[in-house]
Amino acid sequence: MPDKDPTSYSILTYGWVVVLSLWGGLTQYIRRGRPWRGLRTVAELIGDLVTSGFSGILTFYLCEASQLQPLVTAALVGISGHMGSRAIFTIERLLTRRFGAKEPA
């Protein structure tokens, strides 16, 4: 398998990763069922979507590095988008343990 880097993936690939991540994040946001509070609600939604997109892309890179099947990768990207910051903290814990670094307090 040739070496891959973040610039070697197509726009289409990034598109489905971002859409699945954001879809997961939107699902989580809707599931919480918070009442409408104007601009504060919009700011929360944008923050949740940015976090979901970031966690989905990180998950995609980890799945690609692990050479997982595309359908498994897609499922994990959607799940991590739904998890949002919890997925980022989980990835952080896993990597901290994997590389023997001291876990943050």
Foldseek 3Di string as FASTA:
>chain_A
DDDDDPVPDDPVVLVLLLVLLQVLLVVLLVVVPDDDDPPVSVVVSVVLSVQSSVLSVVLLVVCVVVVHDPVVNSVVSNNSSNVRVVSVVVVVVVVCVVVVHDDDD
